């Protein structure tokens, strides 16, 4: 375990992922005076929207509860969105944070590949992971196979313990590699002693990946290579970022807090607590990363990069979704377009080999799949899934088309649609077209930042609605 450090030092980097920095600043200022109740009172009279007041009070209650009582232990999953998994990204590293009272008493980090090599789970990997990754055991690095973060959080702990881990966790948090540039935008460029060049918001993710995948081996004599040390750069950079964030002005911390809040809303940071009251507050804040409920139609597109290195950094996506009510059961047509902007194979980029699943309402029935492999049927988080393997070659574009019947109980007179974005993706652009039984058509241009709910379709057919 790392040596004990102050609450102020570690909380900024390790736990800022799940609390507004401004709330933490106030907490540090008043924690020894028992002033959380005072802060709640101040929040209630602030000239802000009621929804924001509820959110701020929920944050303060989370802070208060976490800092009270027995020692608490949290599992932090670091997910690389350049190598997508259904739950966000390949889990290359994880951290364990212990809190007691108002101190973080221990912080430890691990290379997940090294951890996985010590002991198997004995669990067979899901289709088609075993075949495409050539593995016989389902392990922690690939535990986030569900679209639903609470499911992934529980599975990550299950695998951790099955593989010899000794901790019991009070919560599990996932942080995407997309969060790192947000911190570096606030701190400015950072030079890490022992490594060439600077890390900034534009190059940090790629430079870290290069150092871990190639640089370490190029710089280390082969007889001294220790796979467990190749990610030490991440610890060194994290400490320097933490120090720089600590020294930011209150205004800069507030600006960073707003950007972190956006990362939470976009599911680049997701939180799970075993404590039911805390989990309900996370649900209230919309930071739970759960698959949502819809009274009518639902759509989520999931990509799993299986064997394509870090190619997701160069994949562009969009979609078109059409529902036609001129049939006994609504006909749904989904087109997903991909562009592989890579031009040549290198240490991180190649043809994009991907297993795509779409989550749809239970009772949906696939009747046609174009430009993809054989369909695979399953379920996830209460939804039916249609899955298929396909490839997008370097420098090429491709469109996959999926045609299916929606359940008969989905009617045009009370139709609604919930579209959720996969964690780890950038904003997803799309079009939705509805064709009603009388031939009337309505079209919507959308940008899915986290999720889009299309509830009110009673607009003139000629009106183009843009939802962001």
Protein backbone atom coordinates (compact mmCIF):
# COMPACT_ATOMS: atom_id res chain seq x y z
CA UNK A 1 0.00 0.00 0.00
CA UNK A 2 1.09 3.56 -0.61
CA UNK A 3 2.10 5.63 2.38
CA UNK A 4 -0.63 7.61 4.11
CA UNK A 5 -1.26 11.04 2.66
CA UNK A 6 -3.64 13.83 3.58
CA UNK A 7 -7.29 13.90 2.55
CA UNK A 8 -6.67 17.12 0.61
CA UNK A 9 -3.91 15.59 -1.55
CA UNK A 10 -5.51 12.33 -2.60
CA UNK A 11 -9.15 13.33 -2.79
CA UNK A 12 -8.55 15.76 -5.63
CA UNK A 13 -7.28 13.11 -8.03
CA UNK A 14 -8.65 9.80 -6.84
CA UNK A 15 -12.15 10.79 -5.78
CA UNK A 16 -12.83 13.97 -7.74
CA UNK A 17 -14.30 11.63 -10.32
CA UNK A 18 -17.51 11.38 -8.34
CA UNK A 19 -18.00 14.68 -6.49
CA UNK A 20 -18.07 18.30 -7.68
CA UNK A 21 -14.75 19.91 -6.79
CA UNK A 22 -16.52 22.93 -5.38
CA UNK A 23 -18.47 20.75 -2.97
CA UNK A 24 -15.22 19.16 -1.85
CA UNK A 25 -13.59 22.58 -1.39
CA UNK A 26 -16.39 23.65 0.91
CA UNK A 27 -16.22 20.32 2.69
CA UNK A 28 -12.48 20.69 3.36
CA UNK A 29 -13.09 24.19 4.67
CA UNK A 30 -15.82 23.24 7.11
CA UNK A 31 -15.32 19.53 7.84
CA UNK A 32 -13.69 20.09 11.23
CA UNK A 33 -16.46 22.47 12.27
CA UNK A 34 -19.36 20.09 11.58
CA UNK A 35 -20.77 22.52 9.04
CA UNK A 36 -22.35 20.17 6.47
CA UNK A 37 -25.77 21.13 7.87
CA UNK A 38 -24.84 24.78 7.43
CA UNK A 39 -23.86 24.16 3.80
CA UNK A 40 -27.21 22.47 3.15
CA UNK A 41 -28.96 25.53 4.56
CA UNK A 42 -26.90 27.83 2.32
CA UNK A 43 -27.63 25.64 -0.71
CA UNK A 44 -31.37 25.86 -0.08
CA UNK A 45 -31.37 29.66 -0.30
CA UNK A 46 -29.07 29.96 -3.32
CA UNK A 47 -30.68 31.59 -6.41
CA UNK A 48 -30.46 28.42 -8.50
CA UNK A 49 -32.96 25.96 -9.95
CA UNK A 50 -34.64 23.51 -7.58
CA UNK A 51 -33.19 20.56 -9.49
CA UNK A 52 -29.66 21.93 -8.97
CA UNK A 53 -30.37 22.48 -5.26
CA UNK A 54 -31.46 18.85 -4.94
CA UNK A 55 -28.31 17.74 -6.72
CA UNK A 56 -26.02 19.83 -4.50
CA UNK A 57 -27.74 18.58 -1.35
CA UNK A 58 -27.38 15.01 -2.60
CA UNK A 59 -23.65 15.60 -3.14
CA UNK A 60 -23.24 17.01 0.38
CA UNK A 61 -25.12 14.05 1.86
CA UNK A 62 -22.84 11.64 -0.04
CA UNK A 63 -19.76 13.48 1.29
CA UNK A 64 -21.14 13.39 4.83
CA UNK A 65 -22.01 9.69 4.77
CA UNK A 66 -18.74 8.54 3.20
CA UNK A 67 -16.67 10.42 5.78
CA UNK A 68 -18.50 8.96 8.79
CA UNK A 69 -18.34 5.62 10.56
CA UNK A 70 -16.19 2.59 9.80
CA UNK A 71 -13.37 2.30 7.28
CA UNK A 72 -14.67 2.21 3.70
CA UNK A 73 -12.97 0.66 0.69
CA UNK A 74 -13.60 1.53 -2.95
CA UNK A 75 -12.57 -0.12 -6.22
CA UNK A 76 -11.64 2.29 -9.03
CA UNK A 77 -11.69 0.87 -12.59
CA UNK A 78 -9.67 2.78 -15.20
CA UNK A 79 -11.27 2.14 -18.60
CA UNK A 80 -9.55 2.84 -21.93
CA UNK A 81 -12.18 4.12 -24.36
CA UNK A 82 -9.75 3.70 -27.29
CA UNK A 83 -10.32 -0.05 -26.86
CA UNK A 84 -14.07 -0.21 -26.30
CA UNK A 85 -15.88 -2.77 -24.24
CA UNK A 86 -19.68 -2.74 -23.82
CA UNK A 87 -19.36 -1.09 -20.41
CA UNK A 88 -16.97 1.64 -21.52
CA UNK A 89 -13.46 0.42 -22.28
CA UNK A 90 -10.73 -2.10 -21.60
CA UNK A 91 -9.89 -2.12 -17.88
CA UNK A 92 -6.11 -1.78 -18.06
CA UNK A 93 -5.60 -0.70 -14.44
CA UNK A 94 -7.51 -0.50 -11.19
CA UNK A 95 -7.05 1.25 -7.88
CA UNK A 96 -8.12 0.55 -4.31
CA UNK A 97 -8.84 3.49 -2.01
CA UNK A 98 -9.44 3.19 1.75
CA UNK A 99 -11.13 5.96 3.73
CA UNK A 100 -11.60 6.21 7.48
CA UNK A 101 -13.19 9.24 9.06
CA UNK A 102 -11.82 12.24 7.24
CA UNK A 103 -8.62 10.65 5.97
CA UNK A 104 -7.70 8.54 2.99
CA UNK A 105 -5.53 5.98 4.73
CA UNK A 106 -4.35 3.99 1.70
CA UNK A 107 -4.23 4.16 -2.09
CA UNK A 108 -3.01 1.23 -4.16
CA UNK A 109 -2.92 0.71 -7.93
CA UNK A 110 -2.58 -2.43 -10.04
CA UNK A 111 -1.93 -3.41 -13.65
CA UNK A 112 -5.02 -5.52 -14.40
CA UNK A 113 -3.13 -7.76 -16.83
CA UNK A 114 -0.62 -8.66 -14.14
CA UNK A 115 -3.41 -9.24 -11.61
CA UNK A 116 -5.32 -11.45 -14.06
CA UNK A 117 -2.25 -13.59 -14.75
CA UNK A 118 -2.01 -14.72 -11.11
CA UNK A 119 -5.23 -16.75 -10.91
CA UNK A 120 -8.18 -17.65 -13.14
CA UNK A 121 -11.83 -17.07 -12.31
CA UNK A 122 -12.91 -20.41 -13.75
CA UNK A 123 -15.74 -18.62 -15.59
CA UNK A 124 -16.26 -19.20 -19.31
CA UNK A 125 -16.11 -15.95 -21.33
CA UNK A 126 -19.28 -14.79 -23.14
CA UNK A 127 -19.73 -15.05 -26.89
CA UNK A 128 -17.62 -14.17 -28.89
CA UNK A 129 -14.90 -13.04 -26.46
CA UNK A 130 -13.29 -16.46 -26.12
CA UNK A 131 -12.90 -16.99 -29.85
CA UNK A 132 -11.90 -13.46 -30.87
CA UNK A 133 -9.48 -12.86 -28.00
CA UNK A 134 -8.32 -16.49 -27.81
CA UNK A 135 -9.04 -16.79 -24.08
CA UNK A 136 -10.60 -19.60 -22.05
CA UNK A 137 -11.19 -17.61 -18.86
CA UNK A 138 -13.32 -14.51 -18.26
CA UNK A 139 -11.25 -12.15 -16.12
CA UNK A 140 -11.36 -8.74 -14.51
CA UNK A 141 -9.92 -6.76 -17.44
CA UNK A 142 -12.96 -7.73 -19.55
CA UNK A 143 -15.54 -7.84 -16.76
CA UNK A 144 -17.51 -4.84 -18.10
CA UNK A 145 -19.43 -6.81 -20.74
CA UNK A 146 -22.86 -5.42 -19.84
CA UNK A 147 -24.34 -2.11 -20.95
CA UNK A 148 -25.41 -1.64 -17.31
CA UNK A 149 -22.78 -0.27 -14.90
CA UNK A 150 -24.29 -1.63 -11.65
CA UNK A 151 -24.07 -5.10 -13.24
CA UNK A 152 -20.46 -4.50 -14.29
CA UNK A 153 -19.51 -3.13 -10.86
CA UNK A 154 -20.78 -6.24 -9.09
CA UNK A 155 -19.06 -8.51 -11.60
CA UNK A 156 -15.73 -6.66 -11.26
CA UNK A 157 -15.75 -7.28 -7.51
CA UNK A 158 -16.80 -10.90 -8.06
CA UNK A 159 -13.87 -11.47 -10.43
CA UNK A 160 -11.45 -9.57 -8.17
CA UNK A 161 -12.26 -11.90 -5.29
CA UNK A 162 -12.33 -15.04 -7.45
CA UNK A 163 -8.82 -14.14 -8.64
CA UNK A 164 -7.44 -13.85 -5.13
CA UNK A 165 -8.30 -10.28 -4.12
CA UNK A 166 -8.86 -9.89 -0.38
CA UNK A 167 -10.88 -6.67 -0.14
CA UNK A 168 -14.64 -6.25 0.24
CA UNK A 169 -15.70 -3.02 -1.43
CA UNK A 170 -18.25 -0.44 -0.35
CA UNK A 171 -18.45 0.93 -3.87
CA UNK A 172 -17.06 0.65 -7.38
CA UNK A 173 -16.29 3.59 -9.69
CA UNK A 174 -15.33 3.54 -13.38
CA UNK A 175 -13.28 6.34 -14.95
CA UNK A 176 -12.76 6.63 -18.71
CA UNK A 177 -9.49 7.70 -20.31
CA UNK A 178 -11.51 10.64 -21.70
CA UNK A 179 -11.34 12.25 -18.25
CA UNK A 180 -7.54 12.75 -18.29
CA UNK A 181 -7.56 15.55 -20.91
CA UNK A 182 -10.15 17.41 -18.82
CA UNK A 183 -7.69 17.66 -15.92
CA UNK A 184 -4.82 18.67 -18.21
CA UNK A 185 -6.93 21.45 -19.73
CA UNK A 186 -7.15 22.87 -16.21
CA UNK A 187 -3.54 22.31 -15.12
CA UNK A 188 -1.81 23.04 -18.40
CA UNK A 189 1.02 20.89 -19.82
CA UNK A 190 3.00 18.71 -17.42
CA UNK A 191 6.54 17.34 -17.75
CA UNK A 192 7.22 14.10 -15.89
CA UNK A 193 10.86 13.57 -14.81
CA UNK A 194 12.40 10.61 -16.60
CA UNK A 195 10.12 10.86 -19.64
CA UNK A 196 10.59 12.91 -22.79
CA UNK A 197 8.30 15.75 -23.79
CA UNK A 198 5.23 17.17 -22.13
CA UNK A 199 1.81 15.70 -21.45
CA UNK A 200 -1.04 17.99 -22.46
CA UNK A 201 -4.77 17.71 -23.09
CA UNK A 202 -4.20 16.87 -26.77
CA UNK A 203 -1.52 14.19 -26.54
CA UNK A 204 -1.62 12.70 -23.04
CA UNK A 205 -3.74 9.61 -23.76
CA UNK A 206 -1.71 8.65 -26.82
CA UNK A 207 1.64 9.33 -25.09
CA UNK A 208 0.62 7.20 -22.11
CA UNK A 209 -0.50 4.38 -24.37
CA UNK A 210 2.77 4.54 -26.31
CA UNK A 211 4.84 4.49 -23.12
CA UNK A 212 2.92 1.49 -21.75
CA UNK A 213 2.73 -0.51 -25.00
CA UNK A 214 6.13 0.31 -26.59
CA UNK A 215 8.18 2.98 -24.86
CA UNK A 216 8.83 1.00 -21.67
CA UNK A 217 10.21 -1.97 -23.59
CA UNK A 218 12.35 0.24 -25.86
CA UNK A 219 13.85 2.07 -22.87
CA UNK A 220 14.46 -0.95 -20.61
CA UNK A 221 17.18 -3.61 -21.09
CA UNK A 222 15.44 -6.91 -21.78
CA UNK A 223 16.93 -8.57 -18.68
CA UNK A 224 15.38 -5.82 -16.50
CA UNK A 225 11.91 -5.83 -18.06
CA UNK A 226 9.18 -6.21 -15.44
CA UNK A 227 5.70 -6.12 -16.97
CA UNK A 228 4.31 -4.86 -13.67
CA UNK A 229 6.41 -1.68 -13.90
CA UNK A 230 5.37 -0.54 -17.37
CA UNK A 231 2.48 1.53 -15.96
CA UNK A 232 4.52 3.39 -13.33
CA UNK A 233 4.29 6.43 -15.60
CA UNK A 234 0.58 6.60 -14.76
CA UNK A 235 1.30 6.89 -11.03
CA UNK A 236 3.94 9.55 -11.62
CA UNK A 237 1.65 11.62 -13.84
CA UNK A 238 -1.29 11.22 -11.45
CA UNK A 239 0.69 12.60 -8.53
CA UNK A 240 1.78 15.63 -10.52
CA UNK A 241 -1.76 16.32 -11.72
CA UNK A 242 -3.05 16.02 -8.15
CA UNK A 243 -0.52 18.57 -6.93
CA UNK A 244 -1.33 21.02 -9.73
CA UNK A 245 -5.08 20.70 -9.18
CA UNK A 246 -4.55 21.33 -5.47
CA UNK A 247 -2.81 24.60 -6.32
CA UNK A 248 -5.53 25.87 -8.68
CA UNK A 249 -7.46 28.99 -7.74
CA UNK A 250 -11.01 28.57 -6.45
CA UNK A 251 -12.33 29.89 -9.77
CA UNK A 252 -10.29 27.32 -11.73
CA UNK A 253 -11.49 24.56 -9.40
CA UNK A 254 -15.07 25.63 -10.02
CA UNK A 255 -14.51 25.53 -13.79
CA UNK A 256 -12.95 22.08 -13.48
CA UNK A 257 -15.85 20.94 -11.31
CA UNK A 258 -18.30 21.89 -14.05
CA UNK A 259 -16.29 19.89 -16.59
CA UNK A 260 -16.16 16.90 -14.25
CA UNK A 261 -19.93 17.13 -13.83
CA UNK A 262 -20.24 16.92 -17.62
CA UNK A 263 -18.07 13.79 -17.60
CA UNK A 264 -20.40 12.24 -15.04
CA UNK A 265 -23.43 13.09 -17.14
CA UNK A 266 -21.79 11.60 -20.26
CA UNK A 267 -21.03 8.33 -18.44
CA UNK A 268 -17.27 8.80 -18.69
CA UNK A 269 -17.41 8.49 -14.90
CA UNK A 270 -19.86 6.03 -13.34
CA UNK A 271 -20.51 5.24 -9.68
CA UNK A 272 -21.95 2.33 -7.74
CA UNK A 273 -22.48 2.08 -3.96
CA UNK A 274 -23.62 -0.96 -2.02
CA UNK A 275 -25.31 1.33 0.48
CA UNK A 276 -28.89 1.62 -0.83
CA UNK A 277 -29.30 5.24 0.31
CA UNK A 278 -26.10 6.34 -1.43
CA UNK A 279 -26.98 4.41 -4.57
CA UNK A 280 -30.39 6.10 -4.66
CA UNK A 281 -28.68 9.49 -4.48
CA UNK A 282 -26.38 8.53 -7.35
CA UNK A 283 -29.46 7.47 -9.31
CA UNK A 284 -31.03 10.87 -8.52
CA UNK A 285 -27.93 12.60 -9.86
CA UNK A 286 -27.91 10.42 -12.98
CA UNK A 287 -24.38 9.15 -12.33
CA UNK A 288 -25.19 5.44 -12.03
CA UNK A 289 -24.55 4.39 -15.64
CA UNK A 290 -27.59 2.10 -15.58
CA UNK A 291 -29.62 0.94 -18.55
CA UNK A 292 -32.80 3.02 -18.44
CA UNK A 293 -36.45 2.09 -18.41
CA UNK A 294 -38.81 3.00 -21.23
CA UNK A 295 -42.57 2.55 -21.39
CA UNK A 296 -42.36 2.19 -25.16
CA UNK A 297 -39.37 1.92 -27.53
CA UNK A 298 -35.71 1.67 -26.56
CA UNK A 299 -32.38 1.66 -28.43
CA UNK A 300 -28.75 1.35 -27.44
CA UNK A 301 -25.82 0.48 -29.71
CA UNK A 302 -22.86 -1.32 -28.10
CA UNK A 303 -19.47 -1.99 -29.70
CA UNK A 304 -16.84 -4.36 -28.31
CA UNK A 305 -13.40 -3.92 -29.88
CA UNK A 306 -12.02 -7.47 -29.87
CA UNK A 307 -8.49 -7.65 -31.20
CA UNK A 308 -8.20 -4.24 -32.86
CA UNK A 309 -5.71 -2.66 -30.45
CA UNK A 310 -6.60 1.02 -29.77
CA UNK A 311 -8.41 1.58 -33.08
CA UNK A 312 -11.52 3.13 -31.48
CA UNK A 313 -9.65 6.44 -31.33
CA UNK A 314 -10.02 6.58 -35.13
CA UNK A 315 -13.55 5.20 -35.55
CA UNK A 316 -16.38 7.61 -36.39
CA UNK A 317 -19.99 6.49 -35.95
CA UNK A 318 -23.49 7.69 -36.76
CA UNK A 319 -26.91 6.07 -37.06
CA UNK A 320 -30.33 6.33 -38.68
CA UNK A 321 -33.37 4.82 -36.98
CA UNK A 322 -36.77 4.47 -38.63
CA UNK A 323 -40.03 3.16 -37.18
CA UNK A 324 -42.89 2.39 -39.58
CA UNK A 325 -46.38 2.01 -38.05
CA UNK A 326 -48.09 0.95 -41.31
CA UNK A 327 -48.00 -2.70 -40.23
CA UNK A 328 -49.58 -4.89 -37.57
CA UNK A 329 -46.33 -4.66 -35.64
CA UNK A 330 -44.12 -1.58 -36.05
CA UNK A 331 -41.19 -2.19 -38.39
CA UNK A 332 -37.86 -0.86 -37.16
CA UNK A 333 -34.90 -0.21 -39.43
CA UNK A 334 -31.53 0.72 -37.93
CA UNK A 335 -28.52 1.74 -40.03
CA UNK A 336 -25.18 2.12 -38.24
CA UNK A 337 -22.41 3.80 -40.23
CA UNK A 338 -18.72 3.39 -39.40
CA UNK A 339 -15.61 5.07 -40.76
CA UNK A 340 -12.14 3.76 -39.92
CA UNK A 341 -9.97 6.87 -40.24
CA UNK A 342 -6.77 4.91 -39.74
CA UNK A 343 -4.61 4.77 -42.85
CA UNK A 344 -1.97 2.18 -42.02
CA UNK A 345 -1.41 -0.55 -39.46
CA UNK A 346 0.84 0.35 -36.55
CA UNK A 347 1.30 -0.38 -32.85
CA UNK A 348 -2.20 0.83 -31.98
CA UNK A 349 -4.28 0.79 -35.18
CA UNK A 350 -5.50 -1.90 -37.57
CA UNK A 351 -8.66 -3.14 -39.28
CA UNK A 352 -11.54 -2.73 -36.83
CA UNK A 353 -12.78 -6.16 -35.72
CA UNK A 354 -15.88 -5.51 -33.64
CA UNK A 355 -18.77 -7.33 -32.01
CA UNK A 356 -21.79 -5.03 -32.16
CA UNK A 357 -24.94 -5.50 -30.12
CA UNK A 358 -28.11 -3.46 -30.15
CA UNK A 359 -30.38 -3.38 -27.11
CA UNK A 360 -34.07 -3.34 -28.03
CA UNK A 361 -37.38 -3.92 -26.23
CA UNK A 362 -38.22 -7.45 -25.16
CA UNK A 363 -40.45 -9.10 -27.74
CA UNK A 364 -38.63 -7.57 -30.72
CA UNK A 365 -37.98 -9.95 -33.63
CA UNK A 366 -35.05 -9.70 -36.05
CA UNK A 367 -35.91 -10.59 -39.65
CA UNK A 368 -33.03 -9.16 -41.71
CA UNK A 369 -29.37 -8.28 -41.15
CA UNK A 370 -27.25 -6.76 -43.93
CA UNK A 371 -23.48 -6.31 -44.29
CA UNK A 372 -22.60 -8.19 -41.10
CA UNK A 373 -21.98 -11.71 -39.83
CA UNK A 374 -24.45 -14.19 -38.41
CA UNK A 375 -26.85 -12.82 -35.79
CA UNK A 376 -26.44 -13.79 -32.14
CA UNK A 377 -29.37 -13.41 -29.74
CA UNK A 378 -29.13 -12.73 -26.01
CA UNK A 379 -30.40 -10.41 -23.28
CA UNK A 380 -28.84 -7.69 -21.14
CA UNK A 381 -30.28 -5.54 -18.35
CA UNK A 382 -33.86 -6.46 -19.18
CA UNK A 383 -33.49 -5.83 -22.93
CA UNK A 384 -33.24 -8.18 -25.88
CA UNK A 385 -29.97 -8.03 -27.81
CA UNK A 386 -29.12 -8.65 -31.46
CA UNK A 387 -25.36 -9.14 -31.89
CA UNK A 388 -23.05 -9.69 -34.86
CA UNK A 389 -19.35 -9.71 -35.73
CA UNK A 390 -18.11 -7.45 -38.52
CA UNK A 391 -15.01 -5.61 -39.70
CA UNK A 392 -14.27 -2.07 -40.89
CA UNK A 393 -11.02 -2.02 -42.83
CA UNK A 394 -8.42 0.73 -42.54
CA UNK A 395 -9.41 3.83 -44.50
CA UNK A 396 -12.87 2.52 -45.36
CA UNK A 397 -16.51 3.23 -44.54
CA UNK A 398 -19.24 0.71 -43.84
CA UNK A 399 -22.96 0.69 -43.04
CA UNK A 400 -24.70 -2.18 -41.27
CA UNK A 401 -28.49 -2.47 -41.56
CA UNK A 402 -30.71 -4.22 -38.99
CA UNK A 403 -34.42 -4.76 -39.65
CA UNK A 404 -36.74 -6.02 -36.94
CA UNK A 405 -40.30 -6.02 -35.66
CA UNK A 406 -41.04 -4.12 -32.48
CA UNK A 407 -43.49 -5.65 -29.97
CA UNK A 408 -47.14 -5.28 -30.92
CA UNK A 409 -47.87 -3.31 -27.72
CA UNK A 410 -45.80 -0.35 -29.01
CA UNK A 411 -48.45 1.92 -30.54
CA UNK A 412 -48.17 5.14 -32.50
CA UNK A 413 -50.68 7.07 -30.37
CA UNK A 414 -48.49 6.85 -27.25
CA UNK A 415 -45.10 6.18 -28.82
CA UNK A 416 -41.96 7.29 -27.01
CA UNK A 417 -38.31 6.45 -27.51
CA UNK A 418 -35.31 6.31 -25.19
CA UNK A 419 -31.87 6.22 -26.85
CA UNK A 420 -28.85 5.75 -24.59
CA UNK A 421 -25.21 6.14 -25.58
CA UNK A 422 -22.54 3.58 -24.76
CA UNK A 423 -20.09 4.72 -22.10
CA UNK A 424 -16.73 5.70 -23.58
CA UNK A 425 -18.10 7.07 -26.86
CA UNK A 426 -18.05 10.69 -27.96
CA UNK A 427 -21.36 12.36 -28.77
CA UNK A 428 -23.32 10.12 -31.13
CA UNK A 429 -25.06 11.82 -34.07
CA UNK A 430 -28.19 10.29 -35.53
CA UNK A 431 -31.53 10.69 -37.25
CA UNK A 432 -34.91 9.32 -36.17
CA UNK A 433 -37.76 9.00 -38.67
CA UNK A 434 -41.31 8.00 -37.74
CA UNK A 435 -43.82 6.89 -40.39
CA UNK A 436 -47.40 6.79 -39.09
CA UNK A 437 -50.27 4.61 -40.27
CA UNK A 438 -51.77 7.53 -42.25
CA UNK A 439 -48.50 8.02 -44.14
CA UNK A 440 -47.46 11.13 -42.20
CA UNK A 441 -43.74 11.33 -41.48
CA UNK A 442 -41.79 13.10 -38.77
CA UNK A 443 -38.03 13.38 -38.60
CA UNK A 444 -35.67 14.29 -35.79
CA UNK A 445 -31.96 15.13 -35.90
CA UNK A 446 -30.38 14.20 -32.60
CA UNK A 447 -27.06 14.22 -30.81
CA UNK A 448 -26.83 11.70 -28.00
CA UNK A 449 -24.54 13.05 -25.28
CA UNK A 450 -25.78 10.60 -22.65
CA UNK A 451 -29.38 9.79 -23.51
CA UNK A 452 -32.25 11.26 -25.51
CA UNK A 453 -35.90 10.79 -24.57
CA UNK A 454 -38.32 11.41 -27.39
CA UNK A 455 -41.66 11.71 -25.60
CA UNK A 456 -43.68 14.35 -27.44
CA UNK A 457 -44.15 13.47 -31.10
CA UNK A 458 -47.24 15.66 -31.58
CA UNK A 459 -45.46 18.18 -33.81
CA UNK A 460 -46.27 19.18 -37.41
CA UNK A 461 -44.86 16.77 -39.96
CA UNK A 462 -42.95 19.60 -41.64
CA UNK A 463 -41.14 20.58 -38.47
CA UNK A 464 -37.55 19.46 -38.06
CA UNK A 465 -36.70 18.96 -34.40
CA UNK A 466 -33.10 19.10 -33.22
CA UNK A 467 -32.47 17.49 -29.85
CA UNK A 468 -29.15 17.92 -28.06
